PDB file of all heavy atoms in Angstrom:
ATOM      1  N   TRP A   1     -15.453  57.186  70.068  1.00  0.00           N
ATOM      2  CA  TRP A   1     -15.982  58.424  69.482  1.00  0.00           C
ATOM      3  C   TRP A   1     -15.755  59.616  70.397  1.00  0.00           C
ATOM      4  O   TRP A   1     -15.866  60.755  69.970  1.00  0.00           O
ATOM      5  CB  TRP A   1     -17.477  58.273  69.162  1.00  0.00           C
ATOM      6  CG  TRP A   1     -18.325  57.875  70.335  1.00  0.00           C
ATOM      7  CD1 TRP A   1     -19.039  58.691  71.169  1.00  0.00           C
ATOM      8  CD2 TRP A   1     -18.558  56.539  70.811  1.00  0.00           C
ATOM      9  NE1 TRP A   1     -19.693  57.964  72.136  1.00  0.00           N
ATOM     10  CE2 TRP A   1     -19.416  56.632  71.931  1.00  0.00           C
ATOM     11  CE3 TRP A   1     -18.123  55.279  70.401  1.00  0.00           C
ATOM     12  CZ2 TRP A   1     -19.837  55.511  72.644  1.00  0.00           C
ATOM     13  CZ3 TRP A   1     -18.550  54.166  71.108  1.00  0.00           C
ATOM     14  CH2 TRP A   1     -19.399  54.287  72.211  1.00  0.00           C
ATOM     15  N   VAL A   2     -15.421  59.378  71.672  1.00  0.00           N
ATOM     16  CA  VAL A   2     -15.071  60.439  72.610  1.00  0.00           C
ATOM     17  C   VAL A   2     -13.553  60.516  72.796  1.00  0.00           C
ATOM     18  O   VAL A   2     -12.970  61.597  72.777  1.00  0.00           O
ATOM     19  CB  VAL A   2     -15.761  60.234  73.975  1.00  0.00           C
ATOM     20  CG1 VAL A   2     -15.291  61.283  74.993  1.00  0.00           C
ATOM     21  CG2 VAL A   2     -17.274  60.296  73.830  1.00  0.00           C
ATOM     22  N   THR A   3     -12.909  59.366  72.973  1.00  0.00           N
ATOM     23  CA  THR A   3     -11.465  59.363  73.225  1.00  0.00           C
ATOM     24  C   THR A   3     -10.662  59.732  71.989  1.00  0.00           C
ATOM     25  O   THR A   3      -9.535  60.231  72.104  1.00  0.00           O
ATOM     26  CB  THR A   3     -11.000  57.980  73.710  1.00  0.00           C
ATOM     27  OG1 THR A   3     -11.152  57.024  72.643  1.00  0.00           O
ATOM     28  CG2 THR A   3     -11.797  57.522  74.920  1.00  0.00           C
ATOM     29  N   GLY A   4     -11.230  59.461  70.795  1.00  0.00           N
ATOM     30  CA  GLY A   4     -10.460  59.667  69.585  1.00  0.00           C
ATOM     31  C   GLY A   4      -9.410  58.602  69.355  1.00  0.00           C
ATOM     32  O   GLY A   4      -8.549  58.753  68.484  1.00  0.00           O
ATOM     33  N   LEU A   5      -9.474  57.501  70.123  1.00  0.00           N
ATOM     34  CA  LEU A   5      -8.502  56.423  70.016  1.00  0.00           C
ATOM     35  C   LEU A   5      -9.193  55.161  69.510  1.00  0.00           C
ATOM     36  O   LEU A   5     -10.225  54.759  70.044  1.00  0.00           O
ATOM     37  CB  LEU A   5      -7.875  56.128  71.386  1.00  0.00           C
ATOM     38  CG  LEU A   5      -7.111  57.275  72.039  1.00  0.00           C
ATOM     39  CD1 LEU A   5      -6.752  56.909  73.473  1.00  0.00           C
ATOM     40  CD2 LEU A   5      -5.855  57.610  71.236  1.00  0.00           C
ATOM     41  N   GLU A   6      -8.608  54.548  68.514  1.00  0.00           N
ATOM     42  CA  GLU A   6      -9.143  53.278  68.039  1.00  0.00           C
ATOM     43  C   GLU A   6      -8.852  52.212  69.083  1.00  0.00           C
ATOM     44  O   GLU A   6      -7.709  52.012  69.493  1.00  0.00           O
ATOM     45  CB  GLU A   6      -8.513  52.899  66.710  1.00  0.00           C
ATOM     46  CG  GLU A   6      -9.106  51.648  66.099  1.00  0.00           C
ATOM     47  CD  GLU A   6      -8.515  51.308  64.754  1.00  0.00           C
ATOM     48  OE1 GLU A   6      -7.462  51.889  64.399  1.00  0.00           O
ATOM     49  OE2 GLU A   6      -9.115  50.463  64.059  1.00  0.00           O
ATOM     50  N   LEU A   7      -9.894  51.518  69.532  1.00  0.00           N
ATOM     51  CA  LEU A   7      -9.750  50.499  70.554  1.00  0.00           C
ATOM     52  C   LEU A   7      -9.434  49.170  69.884  1.00  0.00           C
ATOM     53  O   LEU A   7     -10.256  48.609  69.171  1.00  0.00           O
ATOM     54  CB  LEU A   7     -11.035  50.395  71.384  1.00  0.00           C
ATOM     55  CG  LEU A   7     -10.950  49.644  72.713  1.00  0.00           C
ATOM     56  CD1 LEU A   7     -12.141  50.013  73.587  1.00  0.00           C
ATOM     57  CD2 LEU A   7     -10.917  48.136  72.524  1.00  0.00           C
ATOM     58  N   LEU A   8      -8.218  48.665  70.124  1.00  0.00           N
ATOM     59  CA  LEU A   8      -7.765  47.406  69.555  1.00  0.00           C
ATOM     60  C   LEU A   8      -7.553  46.396  70.678  1.00  0.00           C
ATOM     61  O   LEU A   8      -7.538  46.755  71.860  1.00  0.00           O
ATOM     62  CB  LEU A   8      -6.468  47.625  68.777  1.00  0.00           C
ATOM     63  CG  LEU A   8      -6.529  48.686  67.673  1.00  0.00           C
ATOM     64  CD1 LEU A   8      -5.141  48.937  67.099  1.00  0.00           C
ATOM     65  CD2 LEU A   8      -7.497  48.281  66.579  1.00  0.00           C
ATOM     66  N   THR A   9      -7.373  45.146  70.301  1.00  0.00           N
ATOM     67  CA  THR A   9      -7.113  44.111  71.316  1.00  0.00           C
ATOM     68  C   THR A   9      -5.988  43.202  70.836  1.00  0.00           C
ATOM     69  O   THR A   9      -5.826  42.959  69.631  1.00  0.00           O
ATOM     70  CB  THR A   9      -8.358  43.254  71.597  1.00  0.00           C
ATOM     71  OG1 THR A   9      -8.789  42.596  70.398  1.00  0.00           O
ATOM     72  CG2 THR A   9      -9.495  44.093  72.143  1.00  0.00           C
ATOM     73  N   PHE A  10      -5.236  42.689  71.822  1.00  0.00           N
ATOM     74  CA  PHE A  10      -4.259  41.645  71.562  1.00  0.00           C
ATOM     75  C   PHE A  10      -4.861  40.320  72.019  1.00  0.00           C
ATOM     76  O   PHE A  10      -5.257  40.182  73.184  1.00  0.00           O
ATOM     77  CB  PHE A  10      -2.966  41.883  72.348  1.00  0.00           C
ATOM     78  CG  PHE A  10      -2.197  43.095  71.922  1.00  0.00           C
ATOM     79  CD1 PHE A  10      -1.891  44.092  72.830  1.00  0.00           C
ATOM     80  CD2 PHE A  10      -1.759  43.234  70.614  1.00  0.00           C
ATOM     81  CE1 PHE A  10      -1.171  45.216  72.448  1.00  0.00           C
ATOM     82  CE2 PHE A  10      -1.035  44.361  70.221  1.00  0.00           C
ATOM     83  CZ  PHE A  10      -0.735  45.346  71.137  1.00  0.00           C
ATOM     84  N   THR A  11      -4.937  39.346  71.113  1.00  0.00           N
ATOM     85  CA  THR A  11      -5.451  38.027  71.493  1.00  0.00           C
ATOM     86  C   THR A  11      -4.607  36.940  70.826  1.00  0.00           C
ATOM     87  O   THR A  11      -4.161  37.120  69.702  1.00  0.00           O
ATOM     88  CB  THR A  11      -6.933  37.856  71.084  1.00  0.00           C
ATOM     89  OG1 THR A  11      -7.072  38.088  69.678  1.00  0.00           O
ATOM     90  CG2 THR A  11      -7.829  38.793  71.853  1.00  0.00           C
ATOM     91  N   PRO A  12      -4.396  35.819  71.545  1.00  0.00           N
ATOM     92  CA  PRO A  12      -4.743  35.599  72.945  1.00  0.00           C
ATOM     93  C   PRO A  12      -3.873  36.465  73.854  1.00  0.00           C
ATOM     94  O   PRO A  12      -2.714  36.731  73.542  1.00  0.00           O
ATOM     95  CB  PRO A  12      -4.452  34.114  73.155  1.00  0.00           C
ATOM     96  CG  PRO A  12      -3.372  33.806  72.164  1.00  0.00           C
ATOM     97  CD  PRO A  12      -3.677  34.664  70.960  1.00  0.00           C
ATOM     98  N   SER A  13      -4.434  36.909  74.945  1.00  0.00           N
ATOM     99  CA  SER A  13      -3.753  37.896  75.781  1.00  0.00           C
ATOM    100  C   SER A  13      -2.833  37.293  76.842  1.00  0.00           C
ATOM    101  O   SER A  13      -1.853  37.918  77.233  1.00  0.00           O
ATOM    102  CB  SER A  13      -4.793  38.779  76.475  1.00  0.00           C
ATOM    103  OG  SER A  13      -5.576  38.011  77.385  1.00  0.00           O
ATOM    104  N   GLY A  14      -3.178  36.104  77.338  1.00  0.00           N
ATOM    105  CA  GLY A  14      -2.442  35.556  78.475  1.00  0.00           C
ATOM    106  C   GLY A  14      -2.872  36.148  79.797  1.00  0.00           C
ATOM    107  O   GLY A  14      -2.210  35.973  80.821  1.00  0.00           O
ATOM    108  N   VAL A  15      -4.023  36.863  79.805  1.00  0.00           N
ATOM    109  CA  VAL A  15      -4.543  37.525  81.002  1.00  0.00           C
ATOM    110  C   VAL A  15      -5.883  36.894  81.384  1.00  0.00           C
ATOM    111  O   VAL A  15      -6.723  36.631  80.523  1.00  0.00           O
ATOM    112  CB  VAL A  15      -4.729  39.034  80.751  1.00  0.00           C
ATOM    113  CG1 VAL A  15      -5.325  39.728  81.981  1.00  0.00           C
ATOM    114  CG2 VAL A  15      -3.402  39.677  80.378  1.00  0.00           C
ATOM    115  N   PHE A  16      -6.070  36.678  82.676  1.00  0.00           N
ATOM    116  CA  PHE A  16      -7.316  36.135  83.209  1.00  0.00           C
ATOM    117  C   PHE A  16      -7.794  37.011  84.362  1.00  0.00           C
ATOM    118  O   PHE A  16      -6.990  37.657  85.034  1.00  0.00           O
ATOM    119  CB  PHE A  16      -7.118  34.704  83.721  1.00  0.00           C
ATOM    120  CG  PHE A  16      -6.635  33.753  82.667  1.00  0.00           C
ATOM    121  CD1 PHE A  16      -5.276  33.650  82.373  1.00  0.00           C
ATOM    122  CD2 PHE A  16      -7.520  32.972  81.951  1.00  0.00           C
ATOM    123  CE1 PHE A  16      -4.820  32.777  81.389  1.00  0.00           C
ATOM    124  CE2 PHE A  16      -7.081  32.105  80.970  1.00  0.00           C
ATOM    125  CZ  PHE A  16      -5.721  32.011  80.692  1.00  0.00           C
ATOM    126  N   GLU A  17      -9.105  37.023  84.574  1.00  0.00           N
ATOM    127  CA  GLU A  17      -9.668  37.765  85.701  1.00  0.00           C
ATOM    128  C   GLU A  17      -9.957  36.813  86.851  1.00  0.00           C
ATOM    129  O   GLU A  17     -10.562  35.756  86.657  1.00  0.00           O
ATOM    130  CB  GLU A  17     -10.961  38.465  85.303  1.00  0.00           C
ATOM    131  CG  GLU A  17     -11.576  39.273  86.445  1.00  0.00           C
ATOM    132  CD  GLU A  17     -12.881  39.938  86.073  1.00  0.00           C
ATOM    133  OE1 GLU A  17     -13.266  39.864  84.883  1.00  0.00           O
ATOM    134  OE2 GLU A  17     -13.517  40.519  86.956  1.00  0.00           O
ATOM    135  N   ILE A  18      -9.512  37.189  88.070  1.00  0.00           N
ATOM    136  CA  ILE A  18      -9.712  36.311  89.225  1.00  0.00           C
ATOM    137  C   ILE A  18     -10.306  37.080  90.408  1.00  0.00           C
ATOM    138  O   ILE A  18     -10.019  36.758  91.558  1.00  0.00           O
ATOM    139  CB  ILE A  18      -8.396  35.624  89.642  1.00  0.00           C
ATOM    140  CG1 ILE A  18      -7.301  36.658  89.969  1.00  0.00           C
ATOM    141  CG2 ILE A  18      -7.910  34.668  88.559  1.00  0.00           C
ATOM    142  CD1 ILE A  18      -6.106  36.046  90.655  1.00  0.00           C
ATOM    143  N   SER A  19     -11.140  38.086  90.125  1.00  0.00           N
ATOM    144  CA  SER A  19     -11.673  38.910  91.208  1.00  0.00           C
ATOM    145  C   SER A  19     -12.468  38.092  92.220  1.00  0.00           C
ATOM    146  O   SER A  19     -12.403  38.348  93.427  1.00  0.00           O
ATOM    147  CB  SER A  19     -12.532  40.047  90.654  1.00  0.00           C
ATOM    148  OG  SER A  19     -13.622  39.538  89.917  1.00  0.00           O
ATOM    149  N   GLU A  20     -13.215  37.091  91.743  1.00  0.00           N
ATOM    150  CA  GLU A  20     -14.037  36.307  92.667  1.00  0.00           C
ATOM    151  C   GLU A  20     -13.182  35.549  93.664  1.00  0.00           C
ATOM    152  O   GLU A  20     -13.522  35.443  94.846  1.00  0.00           O
ATOM    153  CB  GLU A  20     -14.938  35.347  91.883  1.00  0.00           C
ATOM    154  CG  GLU A  20     -16.027  36.040  91.078  1.00  0.00           C
ATOM    155  CD  GLU A  20     -16.905  36.940  91.936  1.00  0.00           C
ATOM    156  OE1 GLU A  20     -17.287  36.510  93.047  1.00  0.00           O
ATOM    157  OE2 GLU A  20     -17.183  38.076  91.516  1.00  0.00           O
ATOM    158  N   SER A  21     -12.062  34.996  93.211  1.00  0.00           N
ATOM    159  CA  SER A  21     -11.194  34.249  94.126  1.00  0.00           C
ATOM    160  C   SER A  21     -10.463  35.158  95.100  1.00  0.00           C
ATOM    161  O   SER A  21      -9.894  34.694  96.094  1.00  0.00           O
ATOM    162  CB  SER A  21     -10.176  33.420  93.332  1.00  0.00           C
ATOM    163  OG  SER A  21      -9.276  34.257  92.639  1.00  0.00           O
ATOM    164  N   LEU A  22     -10.483  36.468  94.831  1.00  0.00           N
ATOM    165  CA  LEU A  22      -9.858  37.446  95.736  1.00  0.00           C
ATOM    166  C   LEU A  22     -10.873  38.100  96.657  1.00  0.00           C
ATOM    167  O   LEU A  22     -10.563  39.071  97.340  1.00  0.00           O
ATOM    168  CB  LEU A  22      -9.142  38.524  94.915  1.00  0.00           C
ATOM    169  CG  LEU A  22      -7.976  38.048  94.050  1.00  0.00           C
ATOM    170  CD1 LEU A  22      -7.481  39.178  93.153  1.00  0.00           C
ATOM    171  CD2 LEU A  22      -6.839  37.514  94.911  1.00  0.00           C
ATOM    172  N   GLY A  23     -12.101  37.578  96.657  1.00  0.00           N
ATOM    173  CA  GLY A  23     -13.139  38.130  97.535  1.00  0.00           C
ATOM    174  C   GLY A  23     -14.088  39.070  96.855  1.00  0.00           C
ATOM    175  O   GLY A  23     -14.843  39.781  97.519  1.00  0.00           O
ATOM    176  N   GLY A  24     -14.079  39.102  95.509  1.00  0.00           N
ATOM    177  CA  GLY A  24     -14.988  39.971  94.777  1.00  0.00           C
ATOM    178  C   GLY A  24     -14.382  41.327  94.488  1.00  0.00           C
ATOM    179  O   GLY A  24     -13.287  41.659  94.934  1.00  0.00           O
ATOM    180  N   SER A  25     -15.128  42.114  93.737  1.00  0.00           N
ATOM    181  CA  SER A  25     -14.653  43.430  93.334  1.00  0.00           C
ATOM    182  C   SER A  25     -14.523  44.361  94.533  1.00  0.00           C
ATOM    183  O   SER A  25     -15.283  44.279  95.487  1.00  0.00           O
ATOM    184  CB  SER A  25     -15.632  44.040  92.322  1.00  0.00           C
ATOM    185  OG  SER A  25     -15.289  45.380  92.039  1.00  0.00           O
ATOM    186  N   THR A  26     -13.522  45.255  94.456  1.00  0.00           N
ATOM    187  CA  THR A  26     -13.394  46.304  95.472  1.00  0.00           C
ATOM    188  C   THR A  26     -14.295  47.488  95.157  1.00  0.00           C
ATOM    189  O   THR A  26     -14.357  48.443  95.917  1.00  0.00           O
ATOM    190  CB  THR A  26     -11.937  46.797  95.572  1.00  0.00           C
ATOM    191  OG1 THR A  26     -11.508  47.266  94.293  1.00  0.00           O
ATOM    192  CG2 THR A  26     -11.024  45.679  96.043  1.00  0.00           C
ATOM    193  N   ILE A  27     -14.997  47.415  94.010  1.00  0.00           N
ATOM    194  CA  ILE A  27     -15.922  48.480  93.614  1.00  0.00           C
ATOM    195  C   ILE A  27     -17.339  47.942  93.748  1.00  0.00           C
ATOM    196  O   ILE A  27     -17.836  47.248  92.862  1.00  0.00           O
ATOM    197  CB  ILE A  27     -15.659  48.960  92.174  1.00  0.00           C
ATOM    198  CG1 ILE A  27     -14.226  49.458  92.048  1.00  0.00           C
ATOM    199  CG2 ILE A  27     -16.640  50.056  91.794  1.00  0.00           C
ATOM    200  CD1 ILE A  27     -13.849  49.861  90.645  1.00  0.00           C
ATOM    201  N   GLN A  28     -17.962  48.198  94.849  1.00  0.00           N
ATOM    202  CA  GLN A  28     -19.308  47.707  95.108  1.00  0.00           C
ATOM    203  C   GLN A  28     -20.332  48.767  94.736  1.00  0.00           C
ATOM    204  O   GLN A  28     -20.150  49.948  95.000  1.00  0.00           O
ATOM    205  CB  GLN A  28     -19.463  47.320  96.590  1.00  0.00           C
ATOM    206  CG  GLN A  28     -18.476  46.257  97.052  1.00  0.00           C
ATOM    207  CD  GLN A  28     -18.643  44.942  96.327  1.00  0.00           C
ATOM    208  OE1 GLN A  28     -19.758  44.546  95.992  1.00  0.00           O
ATOM    209  NE2 GLN A  28     -17.546  44.257  96.069  1.00  0.00           N
ATOM    210  N   HIS A  29     -21.421  48.312  94.132  1.00  0.00           N
ATOM    211  CA  HIS A  29     -22.497  49.232  93.738  1.00  0.00           C
ATOM    212  C   HIS A  29     -23.819  48.588  94.134  1.00  0.00           C
ATOM    213  O   HIS A  29     -24.601  48.167  93.295  1.00  0.00           O
ATOM    214  CB  HIS A  29     -22.456  49.485  92.228  1.00  0.00           C
ATOM    215  CG  HIS A  29     -22.982  50.838  91.842  1.00  0.00           C
ATOM    216  ND1 HIS A  29     -24.186  51.336  92.299  1.00  0.00           N
ATOM    217  CD2 HIS A  29     -22.454  51.802  91.040  1.00  0.00           C
ATOM    218  CE1 HIS A  29     -24.386  52.541  91.784  1.00  0.00           C
ATOM    219  NE2 HIS A  29     -23.353  52.838  91.022  1.00  0.00           N
ATOM    220  N   PRO A  30     -24.081  48.481  95.456  1.00  0.00           N
ATOM    221  CA  PRO A  30     -25.266  47.757  95.895  1.00  0.00           C
ATOM    222  C   PRO A  30     -26.556  48.468  95.514  1.00  0.00           C
ATOM    223  O   PRO A  30     -26.610  49.692  95.431  1.00  0.00           O
ATOM    224  CB  PRO A  30     -25.100  47.731  97.422  1.00  0.00           C
ATOM    225  CG  PRO A  30     -24.271  48.933  97.735  1.00  0.00           C
ATOM    226  CD  PRO A  30     -23.332  49.090  96.564  1.00  0.00           C
ATOM    227  N   SER A  31     -27.598  47.678  95.265  1.00  0.00           N
ATOM    228  CA  SER A  31     -28.908  48.256  94.973  1.00  0.00           C
ATOM    229  C   SER A  31     -29.508  48.841  96.248  1.00  0.00           C
ATOM    230  O   SER A  31     -29.434  48.251  97.320  1.00  0.00           O
ATOM    231  CB  SER A  31     -29.834  47.164  94.425  1.00  0.00           C
ATOM    232  OG  SER A  31     -29.350  46.686  93.206  1.00  0.00           O
ATOM    233  N   LYS A  32     -30.117  50.007  96.113  1.00  0.00           N
ATOM    234  CA  LYS A  32     -30.776  50.617  97.259  1.00  0.00           C
ATOM    235  C   LYS A  32     -32.186  50.083  97.444  1.00  0.00           C
ATOM    236  O   LYS A  32     -32.751  50.175  98.518  1.00  0.00           O
ATOM    237  CB  LYS A  32     -30.804  52.139  97.080  1.00  0.00           C
ATOM    238  CG  LYS A  32     -29.416  52.782  97.091  1.00  0.00           C
ATOM    239  CD  LYS A  32     -29.518  54.287  96.925  1.00  0.00           C
ATOM    240  CE  LYS A  32     -28.142  54.938  96.930  1.00  0.00           C
ATOM    241  NZ  LYS A  32     -28.215  56.408  96.745  1.00  0.00           N
ATOM    242  N   SER A  33     -32.757  49.542  96.388  1.00  0.00           N
ATOM    243  CA  SER A  33     -34.125  49.053  96.459  1.00  0.00           C
ATOM    244  C   SER A  33     -34.360  48.075  95.323  1.00  0.00           C
ATOM    245  O   SER A  33     -33.582  47.991  94.371  1.00  0.00           O
ATOM    246  CB  SER A  33     -35.118  50.213  96.346  1.00  0.00           C
ATOM    247  OG  SER A  33     -35.024  50.803  95.052  1.00  0.00           O
ATOM    248  N   ALA A  34     -35.451  47.322  95.409  1.00  0.00           N
ATOM    249  CA  ALA A  34     -35.814  46.415  94.329  1.00  0.00           C
ATOM    250  C   ALA A  34     -36.089  47.191  93.047  1.00  0.00           C
ATOM    251  O   ALA A  34     -35.784  46.731  91.946  1.00  0.00           O
ATOM    252  CB  ALA A  34     -37.034  45.600  94.735  1.00  0.00           C
ATOM    253  N   GLN A  35     -36.643  48.392  93.193  1.00  0.00           N
ATOM    254  CA  GLN A  35     -36.941  49.215  92.030  1.00  0.00           C
ATOM    255  C   GLN A  35     -35.653  49.636  91.320  1.00  0.00           C
ATOM    256  O   GLN A  35     -35.570  49.595  90.087  1.00  0.00           O
ATOM    257  CB  GLN A  35     -37.742  50.450  92.445  1.00  0.00           C
ATOM    258  CG  GLN A  35     -38.156  51.340  91.271  1.00  0.00           C
ATOM    259  CD  GLN A  35     -38.978  52.538  91.731  1.00  0.00           C
ATOM    260  OE1 GLN A  35     -39.080  52.817  92.927  1.00  0.00           O
ATOM    261  NE2 GLN A  35     -39.551  53.238  90.775  1.00  0.00           N
ATOM    262  N   GLU A  36     -34.640  50.028  92.095  1.00  0.00           N
ATOM    263  CA  GLU A  36     -33.366  50.413  91.492  1.00  0.00           C
ATOM    264  C   GLU A  36     -32.715  49.218  90.818  1.00  0.00           C
ATOM    265  O   GLU A  36     -32.144  49.346  89.717  1.00  0.00           O
ATOM    266  CB  GLU A  36     -32.426  50.981  92.541  1.00  0.00           C
ATOM    267  CG  GLU A  36     -31.082  51.429  91.955  1.00  0.00           C
ATOM    268  CD  GLU A  36     -30.125  51.917  93.014  1.00  0.00           C
ATOM    269  OE1 GLU A  36     -30.460  52.893  93.686  1.00  0.00           O
ATOM    270  OE2 GLU A  36     -29.055  51.309  93.176  1.00  0.00           O
ATOM    271  N   LYS A  37     -32.790  48.041  91.445  1.00  0.00           N
ATOM    272  CA  LYS A  37     -32.214  46.846  90.843  1.00  0.00           C
ATOM    273  C   LYS A  37     -32.889  46.536  89.511  1.00  0.00           C
ATOM    274  O   LYS A  37     -32.231  46.200  88.526  1.00  0.00           O
ATOM    275  CB  LYS A  37     -32.359  45.652  91.796  1.00  0.00           C
ATOM    276  CG  LYS A  37     -31.708  44.385  91.274  1.00  0.00           C
ATOM    277  CD  LYS A  37     -31.801  43.266  92.293  1.00  0.00           C
ATOM    278  CE  LYS A  37     -31.122  42.005  91.765  1.00  0.00           C
ATOM    279  NZ  LYS A  37     -31.188  40.895  92.755  1.00  0.00           N
ATOM    280  N   LEU A  38     -34.211  46.655  89.463  1.00  0.00           N
ATOM    281  CA  LEU A  38     -34.943  46.418  88.216  1.00  0.00           C
ATOM    282  C   LEU A  38     -34.533  47.425  87.149  1.00  0.00           C
ATOM    283  O   LEU A  38     -34.318  47.068  85.990  1.00  0.00           O
ATOM    284  CB  LEU A  38     -36.449  46.493  88.475  1.00  0.00           C
ATOM    285  CG  LEU A  38     -37.358  46.336  87.245  1.00  0.00           C
ATOM    286  CD1 LEU A  38     -37.147  44.965  86.610  1.00  0.00           C
ATOM    287  CD2 LEU A  38     -38.822  46.546  87.629  1.00  0.00           C
ATOM    288  N   TRP A  39     -34.424  48.699  87.541  1.00  0.00           N
ATOM    289  CA  TRP A  39     -34.003  49.744  86.607  1.00  0.00           C
ATOM    290  C   TRP A  39     -32.630  49.425  86.023  1.00  0.00           C
ATOM    291  O   TRP A  39     -32.398  49.549  84.827  1.00  0.00           O
ATOM    292  CB  TRP A  39     -33.980  51.089  87.318  1.00  0.00           C
ATOM    293  CG  TRP A  39     -33.225  52.162  86.586  1.00  0.00           C
ATOM    294  CD1 TRP A  39     -32.004  52.680  86.915  1.00  0.00           C
ATOM    295  CD2 TRP A  39     -33.624  52.836  85.385  1.00  0.00           C
ATOM    296  NE1 TRP A  39     -31.625  53.630  86.013  1.00  0.00           N
ATOM    297  CE2 TRP A  39     -32.598  53.753  85.059  1.00  0.00           C
ATOM    298  CE3 TRP A  39     -34.748  52.761  84.563  1.00  0.00           C
ATOM    299  CZ2 TRP A  39     -32.660  54.575  83.954  1.00  0.00           C
ATOM    300  CZ3 TRP A  39     -34.804  53.586  83.450  1.00  0.00           C
ATOM    301  CH2 TRP A  39     -33.775  54.484  83.159  1.00  0.00           C
ATOM    302  N   ARG A  40     -31.719  48.959  86.868  1.00  0.00           N
ATOM    303  CA  ARG A  40     -30.373  48.631  86.422  1.00  0.00           C
ATOM    304  C   ARG A  40     -30.390  47.474  85.426  1.00  0.00           C
ATOM    305  O   ARG A  40     -29.724  47.522  84.393  1.00  0.00           O
ATOM    306  CB  ARG A  40     -29.520  48.278  87.640  1.00  0.00           C
ATOM    307  CG  ARG A  40     -28.035  48.234  87.381  1.00  0.00           C
ATOM    308  CD  ARG A  40     -27.264  47.957  88.645  1.00  0.00           C
ATOM    309  NE  ARG A  40     -27.504  48.968  89.661  1.00  0.00           N
ATOM    310  CZ  ARG A  40     -27.030  48.898  90.896  1.00  0.00           C
ATOM    311  NH1 ARG A  40     -26.328  47.860  91.271  1.00  0.00           N
ATOM    312  NH2 ARG A  40     -27.269  49.867  91.759  1.00  0.00           N
ATOM    313  N   GLU A  41     -31.171  46.444  85.739  1.00  0.00           N
ATOM    314  CA  GLU A  41     -31.228  45.281  84.862  1.00  0.00           C
ATOM    315  C   GLU A  41     -31.862  45.618  83.514  1.00  0.00           C
ATOM    316  O   GLU A  41     -31.481  45.051  82.478  1.00  0.00           O
ATOM    317  CB  GLU A  41     -32.006  44.152  85.546  1.00  0.00           C
ATOM    318  CG  GLU A  41     -31.302  43.564  86.760  1.00  0.00           C
ATOM    319  CD  GLU A  41     -29.916  43.027  86.418  1.00  0.00           C
ATOM    320  OE1 GLU A  41     -29.783  42.322  85.404  1.00  0.00           O
ATOM    321  OE2 GLU A  41     -28.961  43.339  87.162  1.00  0.00           O
ATOM    322  N   LEU A  42     -32.837  46.518  83.515  1.00  0.00           N
ATOM    323  CA  LEU A  42     -33.474  46.921  82.267  1.00  0.00           C
ATOM    324  C   LEU A  42     -32.585  47.872  81.455  1.00  0.00           C
ATOM    325  O   LEU A  42     -32.561  47.820  80.219  1.00  0.00           O
ATOM    326  CB  LEU A  42     -34.810  47.599  82.549  1.00  0.00           C
ATOM    327  CG  LEU A  42     -35.933  46.706  83.108  1.00  0.00           C
ATOM    328  CD1 LEU A  42     -37.137  47.559  83.486  1.00  0.00           C
ATOM    329  CD2 LEU A  42     -36.323  45.633  82.100  1.00  0.00           C
ATOM    330  N   SER A  43     -31.870  48.727  82.147  1.00  0.00           N
ATOM    331  CA  SER A  43     -31.078  49.762  81.471  1.00  0.00           C
ATOM    332  C   SER A  43     -29.792  49.219  80.881  1.00  0.00           C
ATOM    333  O   SER A  43     -29.338  49.693  79.826  1.00  0.00           O
ATOM    334  CB  SER A  43     -30.745  50.889  82.447  1.00  0.00           C
ATOM    335  OG  SER A  43     -31.915  51.502  82.945  1.00  0.00           O
TER     336      SER A  43
END
């Protein structure tokens, strides 16, 4: 509704995600506090 592009998918894709075997994501978003973690899980 923002891009104006219909989002389609090709399946089966032949693509797999292996971020964990590469040491995890390079985009880390650590919680600053238990309260922030709770907010994230609820939101």
